[in-house]
Amino acid sequence: MKCKKCGSENVNIQVVNEGQLVTKHHSIIWWICIGWLWIPIKWLFLTIPALFAAIFIGKRKKIKNVTKKMYVCQDCGNTWQV
């Protein structure tokens, strides 16, 4: 493989892991079966605990990992994606 910038053949391949923080959401099936009834009942009868939970627990989040292969030229430092 040749570097696109300097034309050198001294190129390594590295695997780069990128993580993104994503908020979890309920699916449409949950909203059709449970959510339309549960959310109003929760807010009517459990207002104070629901407020504390919303403030202190926060939203549920998960990490989504994406791996990419990157070429790195050892002579000029140019990087590009496979």
PDB file of N, CA and C in Angstrom:
ATOM      1  N   MET A   1       0.852  -1.180   0.000  1.00  0.00           N
ATOM      2  CA  MET A   1       0.000   0.000   0.000  1.00  0.00           C
ATOM      3  C   MET A   1       0.893   1.236   0.000  1.00  0.00           C
ATOM      4  N   LYS A   2       0.541   2.220  -0.788  1.00  0.00           N
ATOM      5  CA  LYS A   2       1.303   3.459  -0.867  1.00  0.00           C
ATOM      6  C   LYS A   2       0.534   4.584  -0.186  1.00  0.00           C
ATOM      7  N   CYS A   3       1.299   5.475   0.447  1.00  0.00           N
ATOM      8  CA  CYS A   3       0.716   6.660   1.061  1.00  0.00           C
ATOM      9  C   CYS A   3       0.211   7.589  -0.038  1.00  0.00           C
ATOM     10  N   LYS A   4      -0.964   8.128   0.160  1.00  0.00           N
ATOM     11  CA  LYS A   4      -1.554   9.024  -0.834  1.00  0.00           C
ATOM     12  C   LYS A   4      -0.879  10.397  -0.824  1.00  0.00           C
ATOM     13  N   LYS A   5      -0.236  10.730   0.282  1.00  0.00           N
ATOM     14  CA  LYS A   5       0.360  12.066   0.405  1.00  0.00           C
ATOM     15  C   LYS A   5       1.816  12.103  -0.078  1.00  0.00           C
ATOM     16  N   CYS A   6       2.644  11.141   0.427  1.00  0.00           N
ATOM     17  CA  CYS A   6       4.072  11.195   0.093  1.00  0.00           C
ATOM     18  C   CYS A   6       4.516  10.064  -0.822  1.00  0.00           C
ATOM     19  N   GLY A   7       3.701   9.041  -1.042  1.00  0.00           N
ATOM     20  CA  GLY A   7       4.054   7.937  -1.919  1.00  0.00           C
ATOM     21  C   GLY A   7       4.914   6.865  -1.280  1.00  0.00           C
ATOM     22  N   SER A   8       5.121   6.932   0.025  1.00  0.00           N
ATOM     23  CA  SER A   8       5.948   5.961   0.730  1.00  0.00           C
ATOM     24  C   SER A   8       5.202   4.632   0.867  1.00  0.00           C
ATOM     25  N   GLU A   9       5.969   3.530   0.940  1.00  0.00           N
ATOM     26  CA  GLU A   9       5.383   2.201   1.145  1.00  0.00           C
ATOM     27  C   GLU A   9       5.467   1.783   2.609  1.00  0.00           C
ATOM     28  N   ASN A  10       5.962   2.642   3.475  1.00  0.00           N
ATOM     29  CA  ASN A  10       6.097   2.364   4.900  1.00  0.00           C
ATOM     30  C   ASN A  10       4.778   2.717   5.598  1.00  0.00           C
ATOM     31  N   VAL A  11       3.759   1.851   5.422  1.00  0.00           N
ATOM     32  CA  VAL A  11       2.403   2.126   5.911  1.00  0.00           C
ATOM     33  C   VAL A  11       1.967   0.976   6.815  1.00  0.00           C
ATOM     34  N   ASN A  12       1.395   1.301   7.960  1.00  0.00           N
ATOM     35  CA  ASN A  12       0.844   0.307   8.889  1.00  0.00           C
ATOM     36  C   ASN A  12      -0.678   0.427   8.921  1.00  0.00           C
ATOM     37  N   ILE A  13      -1.336  -0.690   9.273  1.00  0.00           N
ATOM     38  CA  ILE A  13      -2.789  -0.693   9.462  1.00  0.00           C
ATOM     39  C   ILE A  13      -3.059  -0.816  10.956  1.00  0.00           C
ATOM     40  N   GLN A  14      -3.929   0.064  11.469  1.00  0.00           N
ATOM     41  CA  GLN A  14      -4.308   0.026  12.882  1.00  0.00           C
ATOM     42  C   GLN A  14      -5.819  -0.074  12.993  1.00  0.00           C
ATOM     43  N   VAL A  15      -6.277  -0.775  14.021  1.00  0.00           N
ATOM     44  CA  VAL A  15      -7.702  -0.852  14.306  1.00  0.00           C
ATOM     45  C   VAL A  15      -7.998   0.164  15.404  1.00  0.00           C
ATOM     46  N   VAL A  16      -8.932   1.076  15.125  1.00  0.00           N
ATOM     47  CA  VAL A  16      -9.283   2.142  16.061  1.00  0.00           C
ATOM     48  C   VAL A  16     -10.689   1.876  16.581  1.00  0.00           C
ATOM     49  N   ASN A  17     -10.847   1.925  17.895  1.00  0.00           N
ATOM     50  CA  ASN A  17     -12.137   1.709  18.523  1.00  0.00           C
ATOM     51  C   ASN A  17     -12.694   3.059  18.966  1.00  0.00           C
ATOM     52  N   GLU A  18     -13.889   3.414  18.469  1.00  0.00           N
ATOM     53  CA  GLU A  18     -14.535   4.661  18.866  1.00  0.00           C
ATOM     54  C   GLU A  18     -15.802   4.329  19.635  1.00  0.00           C
ATOM     55  N   GLY A  19     -15.988   4.982  20.761  1.00  0.00           N
ATOM     56  CA  GLY A  19     -17.178   4.770  21.582  1.00  0.00           C
ATOM     57  C   GLY A  19     -18.070   5.993  21.562  1.00  0.00           C
ATOM     58  N   GLN A  20     -19.381   5.749  21.422  1.00  0.00           N
ATOM     59  CA  GLN A  20     -20.361   6.831  21.448  1.00  0.00           C
ATOM     60  C   GLN A  20     -21.363   6.542  22.557  1.00  0.00           C
ATOM     61  N   LEU A  21     -21.724   7.562  23.312  1.00  0.00           N
ATOM     62  CA  LEU A  21     -22.699   7.420  24.373  1.00  0.00           C
ATOM     63  C   LEU A  21     -24.090   7.643  23.792  1.00  0.00           C
ATOM     64  N   VAL A  22     -24.955   6.631  23.908  1.00  0.00           N
ATOM     65  CA  VAL A  22     -26.286   6.669  23.301  1.00  0.00           C
ATOM     66  C   VAL A  22     -27.322   6.493  24.398  1.00  0.00           C
ATOM     67  N   THR A  23     -28.388   7.313  24.370  1.00  0.00           N
ATOM     68  CA  THR A  23     -29.475   7.187  25.322  1.00  0.00           C
ATOM     69  C   THR A  23     -30.408   6.069  24.876  1.00  0.00           C
ATOM     70  N   LYS A  24     -30.740   5.163  25.813  1.00  0.00           N
ATOM     71  CA  LYS A  24     -31.637   4.066  25.491  1.00  0.00           C
ATOM     72  C   LYS A  24     -33.078   4.567  25.467  1.00  0.00           C
ATOM     73  N   HIS A  25     -33.850   4.063  24.542  1.00  0.00           N
ATOM     74  CA  HIS A  25     -35.257   4.402  24.428  1.00  0.00           C
ATOM     75  C   HIS A  25     -36.076   3.126  24.415  1.00  0.00           C
ATOM     76  N   HIS A  26     -37.339   3.242  24.799  1.00  0.00           N
ATOM     77  CA  HIS A  26     -38.233   2.099  24.710  1.00  0.00           C
ATOM     78  C   HIS A  26     -38.695   1.925  23.282  1.00  0.00           C
ATOM     79  N   SER A  27     -39.006   0.690  22.936  1.00  0.00           N
ATOM     80  CA  SER A  27     -39.473   0.403  21.579  1.00  0.00           C
ATOM     81  C   SER A  27     -40.947   0.761  21.450  1.00  0.00           C
ATOM     82  N   ILE A  28     -41.430   0.767  20.230  1.00  0.00           N
ATOM     83  CA  ILE A  28     -42.827   1.092  19.959  1.00  0.00           C
ATOM     84  C   ILE A  28     -43.760   0.045  20.570  1.00  0.00           C
ATOM     85  N   ILE A  29     -43.319  -1.198  20.633  1.00  0.00           N
ATOM     86  CA  ILE A  29     -44.150  -2.257  21.232  1.00  0.00           C
ATOM     87  C   ILE A  29     -44.352  -1.987  22.713  1.00  0.00           C
ATOM     88  N   TRP A  30     -43.313  -1.527  23.412  1.00  0.00           N
ATOM     89  CA  TRP A  30     -43.436  -1.198  24.833  1.00  0.00           C
ATOM     90  C   TRP A  30     -44.453  -0.071  25.021  1.00  0.00           C
ATOM     91  N   TRP A  31     -44.380   0.957  24.162  1.00  0.00           N
ATOM     92  CA  TRP A  31     -45.306   2.082  24.293  1.00  0.00           C
ATOM     93  C   TRP A  31     -46.740   1.661  24.016  1.00  0.00           C
ATOM     94  N   ILE A  32     -46.952   0.762  23.042  1.00  0.00           N
ATOM     95  CA  ILE A  32     -48.310   0.313  22.721  1.00  0.00           C
ATOM     96  C   ILE A  32     -48.878  -0.559  23.830  1.00  0.00           C
ATOM     97  N   CYS A  33     -48.072  -1.459  24.378  1.00  0.00           N
ATOM     98  CA  CYS A  33     -48.569  -2.410  25.378  1.00  0.00           C
ATOM     99  C   CYS A  33     -48.579  -1.850  26.801  1.00  0.00           C
ATOM    100  N   ILE A  34     -47.535  -1.143  27.206  1.00  0.00           N
ATOM    101  CA  ILE A  34     -47.371  -0.766  28.612  1.00  0.00           C
ATOM    102  C   ILE A  34     -47.297   0.741  28.820  1.00  0.00           C
ATOM    103  N   GLY A  35     -46.542   1.432  28.016  1.00  0.00           N
ATOM    104  CA  GLY A  35     -46.196   2.829  28.261  1.00  0.00           C
ATOM    105  C   GLY A  35     -47.369   3.783  28.312  1.00  0.00           C
ATOM    106  N   TRP A  36     -48.343   3.613  27.435  1.00  0.00           N
ATOM    107  CA  TRP A  36     -49.473   4.539  27.393  1.00  0.00           C
ATOM    108  C   TRP A  36     -50.263   4.505  28.694  1.00  0.00           C
ATOM    109  N   LEU A  37     -50.212   3.384  29.412  1.00  0.00           N
ATOM    110  CA  LEU A  37     -50.939   3.268  30.679  1.00  0.00           C
ATOM    111  C   LEU A  37     -50.024   3.546  31.875  1.00  0.00           C
ATOM    112  N   TRP A  38     -48.796   3.079  31.817  1.00  0.00           N
ATOM    113  CA  TRP A  38     -47.897   3.171  32.960  1.00  0.00           C
ATOM    114  C   TRP A  38     -47.446   4.600  33.243  1.00  0.00           C
ATOM    115  N   ILE A  39     -47.084   5.358  32.244  1.00  0.00           N
ATOM    116  CA  ILE A  39     -46.555   6.707  32.454  1.00  0.00           C
ATOM    117  C   ILE A  39     -47.576   7.623  33.134  1.00  0.00           C
ATOM    118  N   PRO A  40     -48.847   7.705  32.692  1.00  0.00           N
ATOM    119  CA  PRO A  40     -49.805   8.556  33.420  1.00  0.00           C
ATOM    120  C   PRO A  40     -50.069   8.089  34.848  1.00  0.00           C
ATOM    121  N   ILE A  41     -50.130   6.774  35.062  1.00  0.00           N
ATOM    122  CA  ILE A  41     -50.347   6.258  36.424  1.00  0.00           C
ATOM    123  C   ILE A  41     -49.149   6.597  37.303  1.00  0.00           C
ATOM    124  N   LYS A  42     -47.962   6.448  36.772  1.00  0.00           N
ATOM    125  CA  LYS A  42     -46.753   6.766  37.540  1.00  0.00           C
ATOM    126  C   LYS A  42     -46.755   8.230  37.960  1.00  0.00           C
ATOM    127  N   TRP A  43     -47.087   9.129  37.043  1.00  0.00           N
ATOM    128  CA  TRP A  43     -47.071  10.543  37.381  1.00  0.00           C
ATOM    129  C   TRP A  43     -48.225  10.933  38.288  1.00  0.00           C
ATOM    130  N   LEU A  44     -49.359  10.281  38.206  1.00  0.00           N
ATOM    131  CA  LEU A  44     -50.485  10.611  39.088  1.00  0.00           C
ATOM    132  C   LEU A  44     -50.251  10.145  40.516  1.00  0.00           C
ATOM    133  N   PHE A  45     -49.791   8.915  40.693  1.00  0.00           N
ATOM    134  CA  PHE A  45     -49.693   8.334  42.029  1.00  0.00           C
ATOM    135  C   PHE A  45     -48.288   8.354  42.615  1.00  0.00           C
ATOM    136  N   LEU A  46     -47.297   8.520  41.804  1.00  0.00           N
ATOM    137  CA  LEU A  46     -45.912   8.492  42.287  1.00  0.00           C
ATOM    138  C   LEU A  46     -45.150   9.740  41.865  1.00  0.00           C
ATOM    139  N   THR A  47     -45.782  10.902  41.949  1.00  0.00           N
ATOM    140  CA  THR A  47     -45.180  12.130  41.427  1.00  0.00           C
ATOM    141  C   THR A  47     -43.857  12.462  42.111  1.00  0.00           C
ATOM    142  N   ILE A  48     -43.845  12.494  43.413  1.00  0.00           N
ATOM    143  CA  ILE A  48     -42.625  12.869  44.138  1.00  0.00           C
ATOM    144  C   ILE A  48     -41.504  11.850  43.905  1.00  0.00           C
ATOM    145  N   PRO A  49     -41.742  10.538  44.067  1.00  0.00           N
ATOM    146  CA  PRO A  49     -40.654   9.584  43.767  1.00  0.00           C
ATOM    147  C   PRO A  49     -40.217   9.623  42.306  1.00  0.00           C
ATOM    148  N   ALA A  50     -41.158   9.856  41.397  1.00  0.00           N
ATOM    149  CA  ALA A  50     -40.801   9.927  39.980  1.00  0.00           C
ATOM    150  C   ALA A  50     -39.928  11.154  39.709  1.00  0.00           C
ATOM    151  N   LEU A  51     -40.205  12.269  40.367  1.00  0.00           N
ATOM    152  CA  LEU A  51     -39.367  13.457  40.211  1.00  0.00           C
ATOM    153  C   LEU A  51     -37.954  13.215  40.742  1.00  0.00           C
ATOM    154  N   PHE A  52     -37.861  12.586  41.930  1.00  0.00           N
ATOM    155  CA  PHE A  52     -36.546  12.262  42.476  1.00  0.00           C
ATOM    156  C   PHE A  52     -35.791  11.311  41.554  1.00  0.00           C
ATOM    157  N   ALA A  53     -36.491  10.321  40.996  1.00  0.00           N
ATOM    158  CA  ALA A  53     -35.838   9.382  40.087  1.00  0.00           C
ATOM    159  C   ALA A  53     -35.377  10.098  38.817  1.00  0.00           C
ATOM    160  N   ALA A  54     -36.188  10.996  38.286  1.00  0.00           N
ATOM    161  CA  ALA A  54     -35.816  11.714  37.065  1.00  0.00           C
ATOM    162  C   ALA A  54     -34.611  12.626  37.306  1.00  0.00           C
ATOM    163  N   ILE A  55     -34.530  13.214  38.503  1.00  0.00           N
ATOM    164  CA  ILE A  55     -33.428  14.131  38.804  1.00  0.00           C
ATOM    165  C   ILE A  55     -32.143  13.382  39.135  1.00  0.00           C
ATOM    166  N   PHE A  56     -32.228  12.395  40.035  1.00  0.00           N
ATOM    167  CA  PHE A  56     -31.013  11.775  40.553  1.00  0.00           C
ATOM    168  C   PHE A  56     -30.546  10.557  39.760  1.00  0.00           C
ATOM    169  N   ILE A  57     -31.446   9.805  39.182  1.00  0.00           N
ATOM    170  CA  ILE A  57     -31.039   8.629  38.416  1.00  0.00           C
ATOM    171  C   ILE A  57     -30.663   9.031  37.001  1.00  0.00           C
ATOM    172  N   GLY A  58     -31.428   9.900  36.401  1.00  0.00           N
ATOM    173  CA  GLY A  58     -31.118  10.362  35.063  1.00  0.00           C
ATOM    174  C   GLY A  58     -31.559   9.381  34.000  1.00  0.00           C
ATOM    175  N   LYS A  59     -31.127   9.650  32.777  1.00  0.00           N
ATOM    176  CA  LYS A  59     -31.508   8.808  31.658  1.00  0.00           C
ATOM    177  C   LYS A  59     -30.566   7.614  31.552  1.00  0.00           C
ATOM    178  N   ARG A  60     -31.113   6.520  31.049  1.00  0.00           N
ATOM    179  CA  ARG A  60     -30.304   5.327  30.848  1.00  0.00           C
ATOM    180  C   ARG A  60     -29.481   5.514  29.585  1.00  0.00           C
ATOM    181  N   LYS A  61     -28.206   5.189  29.706  1.00  0.00           N
ATOM    182  CA  LYS A  61     -27.308   5.366  28.571  1.00  0.00           C
ATOM    183  C   LYS A  61     -26.482   4.102  28.381  1.00  0.00           C
ATOM    184  N   LYS A  62     -26.072   3.873  27.150  1.00  0.00           N
ATOM    185  CA  LYS A  62     -25.179   2.762  26.856  1.00  0.00           C
ATOM    186  C   LYS A  62     -24.112   3.251  25.897  1.00  0.00           C
ATOM    187  N   ILE A  63     -23.036   2.490  25.812  1.00  0.00           N
ATOM    188  CA  ILE A  63     -21.936   2.856  24.933  1.00  0.00           C
ATOM    189  C   ILE A  63     -22.008   1.986  23.681  1.00  0.00           C
ATOM    190  N   LYS A  64     -21.968   2.643  22.536  1.00  0.00           N
ATOM    191  CA  LYS A  64     -21.962   1.950  21.257  1.00  0.00           C
ATOM    192  C   LYS A  64     -20.544   2.011  20.712  1.00  0.00           C
ATOM    193  N   ASN A  65     -19.923   0.838  20.529  1.00  0.00           N
ATOM    194  CA  ASN A  65     -18.549   0.768  20.038  1.00  0.00           C
ATOM    195  C   ASN A  65     -18.536   0.540  18.536  1.00  0.00           C
ATOM    196  N   VAL A  66     -17.694   1.297  17.846  1.00  0.00           N
ATOM    197  CA  VAL A  66     -17.499   1.151  16.404  1.00  0.00           C
ATOM    198  C   VAL A  66     -16.010   0.990  16.154  1.00  0.00           C
ATOM    199  N   THR A  67     -15.628  -0.067  15.440  1.00  0.00           N
ATOM    200  CA  THR A  67     -14.214  -0.269  15.116  1.00  0.00           C
ATOM    201  C   THR A  67     -13.982   0.086  13.651  1.00  0.00           C
ATOM    202  N   LYS A  68     -12.856   0.749  13.403  1.00  0.00           N
ATOM    203  CA  LYS A  68     -12.473   1.163  12.054  1.00  0.00           C
ATOM    204  C   LYS A  68     -11.032   0.745  11.806  1.00  0.00           C
ATOM    205  N   LYS A  69     -10.717   0.439  10.550  1.00  0.00           N
ATOM    206  CA  LYS A  69      -9.338   0.171  10.156  1.00  0.00           C
ATOM    207  C   LYS A  69      -8.779   1.448   9.543  1.00  0.00           C
ATOM    208  N   MET A  70      -7.633   1.870  10.052  1.00  0.00           N
ATOM    209  CA  MET A  70      -7.000   3.098   9.567  1.00  0.00           C
ATOM    210  C   MET A  70      -5.587   2.776   9.077  1.00  0.00           C
ATOM    211  N   TYR A  71      -5.235   3.357   7.933  1.00  0.00           N
ATOM    212  CA  TYR A  71      -3.865   3.298   7.434  1.00  0.00           C
ATOM    213  C   TYR A  71      -3.100   4.475   8.023  1.00  0.00           C
ATOM    214  N   VAL A  72      -1.855   4.207   8.448  1.00  0.00           N
ATOM    215  CA  VAL A  72      -1.000   5.255   9.004  1.00  0.00           C
ATOM    216  C   VAL A  72       0.352   5.192   8.310  1.00  0.00           C
ATOM    217  N   CYS A  73       0.732   6.292   7.664  1.00  0.00           N
ATOM    218  CA  CYS A  73       2.046   6.388   7.027  1.00  0.00           C
ATOM    219  C   CYS A  73       3.082   6.678   8.113  1.00  0.00           C
ATOM    220  N   GLN A  74       4.148   5.864   8.155  1.00  0.00           N
ATOM    221  CA  GLN A  74       5.172   6.026   9.181  1.00  0.00           C
ATOM    222  C   GLN A  74       6.164   7.134   8.831  1.00  0.00           C
ATOM    223  N   ASP A  75       6.167   7.581   7.597  1.00  0.00           N
ATOM    224  CA  ASP A  75       7.092   8.636   7.187  1.00  0.00           C
ATOM    225  C   ASP A  75       6.508  10.043   7.391  1.00  0.00           C
ATOM    226  N   CYS A  76       5.283  10.269   6.898  1.00  0.00           N
ATOM    227  CA  CYS A  76       4.736  11.618   6.979  1.00  0.00           C
ATOM    228  C   CYS A  76       3.622  11.764   8.024  1.00  0.00           C
ATOM    229  N   GLY A  77       3.105  10.650   8.555  1.00  0.00           N
ATOM    230  CA  GLY A  77       2.080  10.717   9.593  1.00  0.00           C
ATOM    231  C   GLY A  77       0.666  10.862   9.050  1.00  0.00           C
ATOM    232  N   ASN A  78       0.487  10.746   7.755  1.00  0.00           N
ATOM    233  CA  ASN A  78      -0.841  10.853   7.143  1.00  0.00           C
ATOM    234  C   ASN A  78      -1.682   9.641   7.524  1.00  0.00           C
ATOM    235  N   THR A  79      -2.960   9.856   7.837  1.00  0.00           N
ATOM    236  CA  THR A  79      -3.874   8.763   8.159  1.00  0.00           C
ATOM    237  C   THR A  79      -5.086   8.831   7.250  1.00  0.00           C
ATOM    238  N   TRP A  80      -5.585   7.653   6.863  1.00  0.00           N
ATOM    239  CA  TRP A  80      -6.813   7.583   6.080  1.00  0.00           C
ATOM    240  C   TRP A  80      -7.501   6.265   6.382  1.00  0.00           C
ATOM    241  N   GLN A  81      -8.805   6.246   6.139  1.00  0.00           N
ATOM    242  CA  GLN A  81      -9.622   5.095   6.477  1.00  0.00           C
ATOM    243  C   GLN A  81      -9.677   4.126   5.304  1.00  0.00           C
ATOM    244  N   VAL A  82      -9.730   2.836   5.641  1.00  0.00           N
ATOM    245  CA  VAL A  82      -9.803   1.786   4.620  1.00  0.00           C
ATOM    246  C   VAL A  82     -11.115   1.875   3.889  1.00  0.00           C
TER     247      VAL A  82
END
